[in-house]
Amino acid sequence: MSSKIPSDRFPAAIALMFPLLDLNDRVTVTRGWMMFMPPQVFASIKPLIKSAVAEGWDMIAQRTPELNDKQS
């Protein structure tokens, strides 16, 4: 999915999509992107996810401890 969205539209896609997902789907998408994106690319995506889910970020981070190993 991330390869199909133009890079300039990716922030808008995250802002739209993540609030609509339940916690399980947020974790699944985040883990998938972590696995398939180069670390420097995911580092630029991580704050977009965090911003899109604001109050839900702590739950994603609890269920995805490897987020702490990745760059901000």
PDB file of N, CA and C in Angstrom:
ATOM      1  N   MET A   1       0.821  -1.184   0.000  1.00  0.00           N
ATOM      2  CA  MET A   1       0.000   0.000   0.000  1.00  0.00           C
ATOM      3  C   MET A   1       0.870   1.256   0.000  1.00  0.00           C
ATOM      4  N   SER A   2       1.905   1.274   0.837  1.00  0.00           N
ATOM      5  CA  SER A   2       2.720   2.478   0.929  1.00  0.00           C
ATOM      6  C   SER A   2       3.412   2.795  -0.385  1.00  0.00           C
ATOM      7  N   SER A   3       3.668   1.801  -1.212  1.00  0.00           N
ATOM      8  CA  SER A   3       4.322   2.064  -2.501  1.00  0.00           C
ATOM      9  C   SER A   3       3.341   2.592  -3.542  1.00  0.00           C
ATOM     10  N   LYS A   4       2.045   2.487  -3.297  1.00  0.00           N
ATOM     11  CA  LYS A   4       1.035   2.928  -4.255  1.00  0.00           C
ATOM     12  C   LYS A   4       0.601   4.372  -4.029  1.00  0.00           C
ATOM     13  N   ILE A   5       0.877   4.910  -2.840  1.00  0.00           N
ATOM     14  CA  ILE A   5       0.487   6.283  -2.528  1.00  0.00           C
ATOM     15  C   ILE A   5       1.662   7.198  -2.862  1.00  0.00           C
ATOM     16  N   PRO A   6       1.436   8.248  -3.639  1.00  0.00           N
ATOM     17  CA  PRO A   6       2.536   9.172  -3.935  1.00  0.00           C
ATOM     18  C   PRO A   6       3.116   9.737  -2.638  1.00  0.00           C
ATOM     19  N   SER A   7       4.430   9.877  -2.589  1.00  0.00           N
ATOM     20  CA  SER A   7       5.090  10.293  -1.353  1.00  0.00           C
ATOM     21  C   SER A   7       4.594  11.639  -0.840  1.00  0.00           C
ATOM     22  N   ASP A   8       4.214  12.535  -1.727  1.00  0.00           N
ATOM     23  CA  ASP A   8       3.730  13.841  -1.278  1.00  0.00           C
ATOM     24  C   ASP A   8       2.328  13.761  -0.673  1.00  0.00           C
ATOM     25  N   ARG A   9       1.606  12.674  -0.926  1.00  0.00           N
ATOM     26  CA  ARG A   9       0.246  12.482  -0.393  1.00  0.00           C
ATOM     27  C   ARG A   9       0.227  11.546   0.813  1.00  0.00           C
ATOM     28  N   PHE A  10       1.373  10.961   1.125  1.00  0.00           N
ATOM     29  CA  PHE A  10       1.438   9.989   2.209  1.00  0.00           C
ATOM     30  C   PHE A  10       1.047  10.584   3.561  1.00  0.00           C
ATOM     31  N   PRO A  11       1.515  11.790   3.920  1.00  0.00           N
ATOM     32  CA  PRO A  11       1.074  12.369   5.205  1.00  0.00           C
ATOM     33  C   PRO A  11      -0.452  12.518   5.298  1.00  0.00           C
ATOM     34  N   ALA A  12      -1.085  12.940   4.224  1.00  0.00           N
ATOM     35  CA  ALA A  12      -2.543  13.080   4.222  1.00  0.00           C
ATOM     36  C   ALA A  12      -3.224  11.720   4.342  1.00  0.00           C
ATOM     37  N   ALA A  13      -2.662  10.711   3.690  1.00  0.00           N
ATOM     38  CA  ALA A  13      -3.232   9.372   3.774  1.00  0.00           C
ATOM     39  C   ALA A  13      -3.162   8.826   5.199  1.00  0.00           C
ATOM     40  N   ILE A  14      -2.047   9.045   5.859  1.00  0.00           N
ATOM     41  CA  ILE A  14      -1.897   8.592   7.242  1.00  0.00           C
ATOM     42  C   ILE A  14      -2.883   9.330   8.141  1.00  0.00           C
ATOM     43  N   ALA A  15      -2.970  10.647   7.975  1.00  0.00           N
ATOM     44  CA  ALA A  15      -3.877  11.455   8.790  1.00  0.00           C
ATOM     45  C   ALA A  15      -5.332  11.036   8.611  1.00  0.00           C
ATOM     46  N   LEU A  16      -5.683  10.590   7.435  1.00  0.00           N
ATOM     47  CA  LEU A  16      -7.047  10.140   7.162  1.00  0.00           C
ATOM     48  C   LEU A  16      -7.276   8.712   7.634  1.00  0.00           C
ATOM     49  N   MET A  17      -6.337   7.833   7.348  1.00  0.00           N
ATOM     50  CA  MET A  17      -6.531   6.406   7.579  1.00  0.00           C
ATOM     51  C   MET A  17      -6.421   5.998   9.045  1.00  0.00           C
ATOM     52  N   PHE A  18      -5.367   6.423   9.733  1.00  0.00           N
ATOM     53  CA  PHE A  18      -5.096   5.890  11.073  1.00  0.00           C
ATOM     54  C   PHE A  18      -6.214   6.141  12.079  1.00  0.00           C
ATOM     55  N   PRO A  19      -6.847   7.294  12.087  1.00  0.00           N
ATOM     56  CA  PRO A  19      -7.948   7.475  13.043  1.00  0.00           C
ATOM     57  C   PRO A  19      -9.129   6.532  12.791  1.00  0.00           C
ATOM     58  N   LEU A  20      -9.244   6.039  11.575  1.00  0.00           N
ATOM     59  CA  LEU A  20     -10.351   5.140  11.240  1.00  0.00           C
ATOM     60  C   LEU A  20     -10.082   3.684  11.619  1.00  0.00           C
ATOM     61  N   LEU A  21      -8.822   3.351  11.867  1.00  0.00           N
ATOM     62  CA  LEU A  21      -8.446   1.976  12.183  1.00  0.00           C
ATOM     63  C   LEU A  21      -8.631   1.688  13.668  1.00  0.00           C
ATOM     64  N   ASP A  22      -8.964   0.427  13.979  1.00  0.00           N
ATOM     65  CA  ASP A  22      -8.973   0.042  15.391  1.00  0.00           C
ATOM     66  C   ASP A  22      -7.534  -0.253  15.820  1.00  0.00           C
ATOM     67  N   LEU A  23      -7.333  -0.483  17.098  1.00  0.00           N
ATOM     68  CA  LEU A  23      -5.988  -0.660  17.630  1.00  0.00           C
ATOM     69  C   LEU A  23      -5.247  -1.807  16.952  1.00  0.00           C
ATOM     70  N   ASN A  24      -5.905  -2.946  16.765  1.00  0.00           N
ATOM     71  CA  ASN A  24      -5.239  -4.087  16.128  1.00  0.00           C
ATOM     72  C   ASN A  24      -4.739  -3.740  14.732  1.00  0.00           C
ATOM     73  N   ASP A  25      -5.563  -3.042  13.962  1.00  0.00           N
ATOM     74  CA  ASP A  25      -5.159  -2.666  12.605  1.00  0.00           C
ATOM     75  C   ASP A  25      -4.053  -1.615  12.622  1.00  0.00           C
ATOM     76  N   ARG A  26      -4.105  -0.684  13.570  1.00  0.00           N
ATOM     77  CA  ARG A  26      -3.034   0.311  13.691  1.00  0.00           C
ATOM     78  C   ARG A  26      -1.698  -0.372  13.956  1.00  0.00           C
ATOM     79  N   VAL A  27      -1.719  -1.341  14.860  1.00  0.00           N
ATOM     80  CA  VAL A  27      -0.493  -2.076  15.197  1.00  0.00           C
ATOM     81  C   VAL A  27      -0.012  -2.872  13.985  1.00  0.00           C
ATOM     82  N   THR A  28      -0.922  -3.534  13.305  1.00  0.00           N
ATOM     83  CA  THR A  28      -0.556  -4.344  12.137  1.00  0.00           C
ATOM     84  C   THR A  28       0.071  -3.493  11.043  1.00  0.00           C
ATOM     85  N   VAL A  29      -0.554  -2.369  10.728  1.00  0.00           N
ATOM     86  CA  VAL A  29      -0.017  -1.495   9.677  1.00  0.00           C
ATOM     87  C   VAL A  29       1.335  -0.930  10.105  1.00  0.00           C
ATOM     88  N   THR A  30       1.434  -0.485  11.344  1.00  0.00           N
ATOM     89  CA  THR A  30       2.699   0.078  11.827  1.00  0.00           C
ATOM     90  C   THR A  30       3.814  -0.960  11.758  1.00  0.00           C
ATOM     91  N   ARG A  31       3.541  -2.165  12.232  1.00  0.00           N
ATOM     92  CA  ARG A  31       4.562  -3.228  12.178  1.00  0.00           C
ATOM     93  C   ARG A  31       4.934  -3.567  10.741  1.00  0.00           C
ATOM     94  N   GLY A  32       3.953  -3.623   9.874  1.00  0.00           N
ATOM     95  CA  GLY A  32       4.232  -3.917   8.467  1.00  0.00           C
ATOM     96  C   GLY A  32       5.133  -2.872   7.841  1.00  0.00           C
ATOM     97  N   TRP A  33       4.819  -1.617   8.095  1.00  0.00           N
ATOM     98  CA  TRP A  33       5.660  -0.551   7.546  1.00  0.00           C
ATOM     99  C   TRP A  33       7.060  -0.599   8.143  1.00  0.00           C
ATOM    100  N   MET A  34       7.160  -0.908   9.428  1.00  0.00           N
ATOM    101  CA  MET A  34       8.480  -1.013  10.055  1.00  0.00           C
ATOM    102  C   MET A  34       9.318  -2.096   9.394  1.00  0.00           C
ATOM    103  N   MET A  35       8.664  -3.204   9.023  1.00  0.00           N
ATOM    104  CA  MET A  35       9.379  -4.327   8.407  1.00  0.00           C
ATOM    105  C   MET A  35       9.809  -4.021   6.976  1.00  0.00           C
ATOM    106  N   PHE A  36       8.960  -3.330   6.231  1.00  0.00           N
ATOM    107  CA  PHE A  36       9.201  -3.182   4.803  1.00  0.00           C
ATOM    108  C   PHE A  36       9.818  -1.849   4.386  1.00  0.00           C
ATOM    109  N   MET A  37       9.770  -0.850   5.259  1.00  0.00           N
ATOM    110  CA  MET A  37      10.376   0.447   4.927  1.00  0.00           C
ATOM    111  C   MET A  37      11.799   0.496   5.456  1.00  0.00           C
ATOM    112  N   PRO A  38      12.681   1.148   4.736  1.00  0.00           N
ATOM    113  CA  PRO A  38      14.013   1.378   5.291  1.00  0.00           C
ATOM    114  C   PRO A  38      13.873   2.197   6.582  1.00  0.00           C
ATOM    115  N   PRO A  39      14.763   1.975   7.550  1.00  0.00           N
ATOM    116  CA  PRO A  39      14.644   2.677   8.837  1.00  0.00           C
ATOM    117  C   PRO A  39      14.537   4.194   8.722  1.00  0.00           C
ATOM    118  N   GLN A  40      15.279   4.803   7.814  1.00  0.00           N
ATOM    119  CA  GLN A  40      15.222   6.258   7.683  1.00  0.00           C
ATOM    120  C   GLN A  40      13.879   6.716   7.140  1.00  0.00           C
ATOM    121  N   VAL A  41      13.237   5.907   6.310  1.00  0.00           N
ATOM    122  CA  VAL A  41      11.908   6.252   5.794  1.00  0.00           C
ATOM    123  C   VAL A  41      10.880   6.101   6.909  1.00  0.00           C
ATOM    124  N   PHE A  42      10.937   4.977   7.637  1.00  0.00           N
ATOM    125  CA  PHE A  42       9.991   4.793   8.730  1.00  0.00           C
ATOM    126  C   PHE A  42      10.158   5.882   9.789  1.00  0.00           C
ATOM    127  N   ALA A  43      11.378   6.341  10.007  1.00  0.00           N
ATOM    128  CA  ALA A  43      11.619   7.411  10.983  1.00  0.00           C
ATOM    129  C   ALA A  43      10.847   8.674  10.612  1.00  0.00           C
ATOM    130  N   SER A  44      10.636   8.912   9.329  1.00  0.00           N
ATOM    131  CA  SER A  44       9.861  10.087   8.920  1.00  0.00           C
ATOM    132  C   SER A  44       8.359   9.837   8.988  1.00  0.00           C
ATOM    133  N   ILE A  45       7.961   8.574   8.979  1.00  0.00           N
ATOM    134  CA  ILE A  45       6.550   8.195   9.035  1.00  0.00           C
ATOM    135  C   ILE A  45       6.054   8.128  10.480  1.00  0.00           C
ATOM    136  N   LYS A  46       6.909   7.699  11.372  1.00  0.00           N
ATOM    137  CA  LYS A  46       6.532   7.494  12.779  1.00  0.00           C
ATOM    138  C   LYS A  46       5.865   8.728  13.394  1.00  0.00           C
ATOM    139  N   PRO A  47       6.422   9.942  13.256  1.00  0.00           N
ATOM    140  CA  PRO A  47       5.740  11.102  13.843  1.00  0.00           C
ATOM    141  C   PRO A  47       4.390  11.403  13.192  1.00  0.00           C
ATOM    142  N   LEU A  48       4.228  11.031  11.925  1.00  0.00           N
ATOM    143  CA  LEU A  48       2.931  11.228  11.263  1.00  0.00           C
ATOM    144  C   LEU A  48       1.872  10.317  11.881  1.00  0.00           C
ATOM    145  N   ILE A  49       2.262   9.079  12.161  1.00  0.00           N
ATOM    146  CA  ILE A  49       1.339   8.144  12.810  1.00  0.00           C
ATOM    147  C   ILE A  49       1.001   8.663  14.213  1.00  0.00           C
ATOM    148  N   LYS A  50       2.035   9.043  14.935  1.00  0.00           N
ATOM    149  CA  LYS A  50       1.856   9.536  16.304  1.00  0.00           C
ATOM    150  C   LYS A  50       0.901  10.732  16.321  1.00  0.00           C
ATOM    151  N   SER A  51       1.054  11.628  15.400  1.00  0.00           N
ATOM    152  CA  SER A  51       0.186  12.801  15.314  1.00  0.00           C
ATOM    153  C   SER A  51      -1.249  12.416  14.948  1.00  0.00           C
ATOM    154  N   ALA A  52      -1.393  11.453  14.052  1.00  0.00           N
ATOM    155  CA  ALA A  52      -2.722  11.051  13.589  1.00  0.00           C
ATOM    156  C   ALA A  52      -3.538  10.361  14.665  1.00  0.00           C
ATOM    157  N   VAL A  53      -2.868   9.682  15.587  1.00  0.00           N
ATOM    158  CA  VAL A  53      -3.605   8.922  16.610  1.00  0.00           C
ATOM    159  C   VAL A  53      -3.480   9.523  18.000  1.00  0.00           C
ATOM    160  N   ALA A  54      -2.775  10.619  18.129  1.00  0.00           N
ATOM    161  CA  ALA A  54      -2.528  11.344  19.381  1.00  0.00           C
ATOM    162  C   ALA A  54      -2.720  10.507  20.640  1.00  0.00           C
ATOM    163  N   GLU A  55      -3.936  10.440  21.147  1.00  0.00           N
ATOM    164  CA  GLU A  55      -4.189   9.738  22.408  1.00  0.00           C
ATOM    165  C   GLU A  55      -4.012   8.226  22.291  1.00  0.00           C
ATOM    166  N   GLY A  56      -4.019   7.671  21.105  1.00  0.00           N
ATOM    167  CA  GLY A  56      -3.872   6.232  20.928  1.00  0.00           C
ATOM    168  C   GLY A  56      -2.435   5.764  20.755  1.00  0.00           C
ATOM    169  N   TRP A  57      -1.495   6.702  20.695  1.00  0.00           N
ATOM    170  CA  TRP A  57      -0.106   6.338  20.449  1.00  0.00           C
ATOM    171  C   TRP A  57       0.451   5.423  21.537  1.00  0.00           C
ATOM    172  N   ASP A  58       0.149   5.713  22.794  1.00  0.00           N
ATOM    173  CA  ASP A  58       0.687   4.902  23.889  1.00  0.00           C
ATOM    174  C   ASP A  58       0.278   3.440  23.758  1.00  0.00           C
ATOM    175  N   MET A  59      -0.937   3.197  23.319  1.00  0.00           N
ATOM    176  CA  MET A  59      -1.403   1.814  23.140  1.00  0.00           C
ATOM    177  C   MET A  59      -0.656   1.128  21.996  1.00  0.00           C
ATOM    178  N   ILE A  60      -0.410   1.852  20.917  1.00  0.00           N
ATOM    179  CA  ILE A  60       0.363   1.282  19.808  1.00  0.00           C
ATOM    180  C   ILE A  60       1.773   0.965  20.291  1.00  0.00           C
ATOM    181  N   ALA A  61       2.383   1.892  21.010  1.00  0.00           N
ATOM    182  CA  ALA A  61       3.752   1.702  21.497  1.00  0.00           C
ATOM    183  C   ALA A  61       3.836   0.536  22.484  1.00  0.00           C
ATOM    184  N   GLN A  62       2.824   0.358  23.312  1.00  0.00           N
ATOM    185  CA  GLN A  62       2.815  -0.780  24.244  1.00  0.00           C
ATOM    186  C   GLN A  62       2.770  -2.100  23.492  1.00  0.00           C
ATOM    187  N   ARG A  63       2.005  -2.149  22.437  1.00  0.00           N
ATOM    188  CA  ARG A  63       1.843  -3.392  21.684  1.00  0.00           C
ATOM    189  C   ARG A  63       2.912  -3.572  20.615  1.00  0.00           C
ATOM    190  N   THR A  64       3.740  -2.549  20.429  1.00  0.00           N
ATOM    191  CA  THR A  64       4.808  -2.591  19.436  1.00  0.00           C
ATOM    192  C   THR A  64       6.095  -2.102  20.082  1.00  0.00           C
ATOM    193  N   PRO A  65       6.665  -2.885  21.002  1.00  0.00           N
ATOM    194  CA  PRO A  65       7.849  -2.412  21.727  1.00  0.00           C
ATOM    195  C   PRO A  65       9.036  -2.101  20.826  1.00  0.00           C
ATOM    196  N   GLU A  66       9.084  -2.710  19.649  1.00  0.00           N
ATOM    197  CA  GLU A  66      10.185  -2.439  18.740  1.00  0.00           C
ATOM    198  C   GLU A  66      10.170  -0.999  18.215  1.00  0.00           C
ATOM    199  N   LEU A  67       9.081  -0.265  18.425  1.00  0.00           N
ATOM    200  CA  LEU A  67       9.053   1.162  18.067  1.00  0.00           C
ATOM    201  C   LEU A  67      10.126   1.924  18.838  1.00  0.00           C
ATOM    202  N   ASN A  68      10.415   1.499  20.041  1.00  0.00           N
ATOM    203  CA  ASN A  68      11.415   2.174  20.858  1.00  0.00           C
ATOM    204  C   ASN A  68      12.820   1.954  20.302  1.00  0.00           C
ATOM    205  N   ASP A  69      12.997   0.898  19.515  1.00  0.00           N
ATOM    206  CA  ASP A  69      14.301   0.610  18.924  1.00  0.00           C
ATOM    207  C   ASP A  69      14.529   1.395  17.642  1.00  0.00           C
ATOM    208  N   LYS A  70      13.469   1.950  17.087  1.00  0.00           N
ATOM    209  CA  LYS A  70      13.565   2.678  15.812  1.00  0.00           C
ATOM    210  C   LYS A  70      13.814   4.149  16.079  1.00  0.00           C
ATOM    211  N   GLN A  71      14.386   4.799  15.085  1.00  0.00           N
ATOM    212  CA  GLN A  71      14.623   6.238  15.191  1.00  0.00           C
ATOM    213  C   GLN A  71      13.294   6.960  15.354  1.00  0.00           C
ATOM    214  N   SER A  72      13.324   8.109  16.018  1.00  0.00           N
ATOM    215  CA  SER A  72      12.095   8.903  16.223  1.00  0.00           C
ATOM    216  C   SER A  72      11.364   9.030  14.935  1.00  0.00           C
TER     217      SER A  72
END
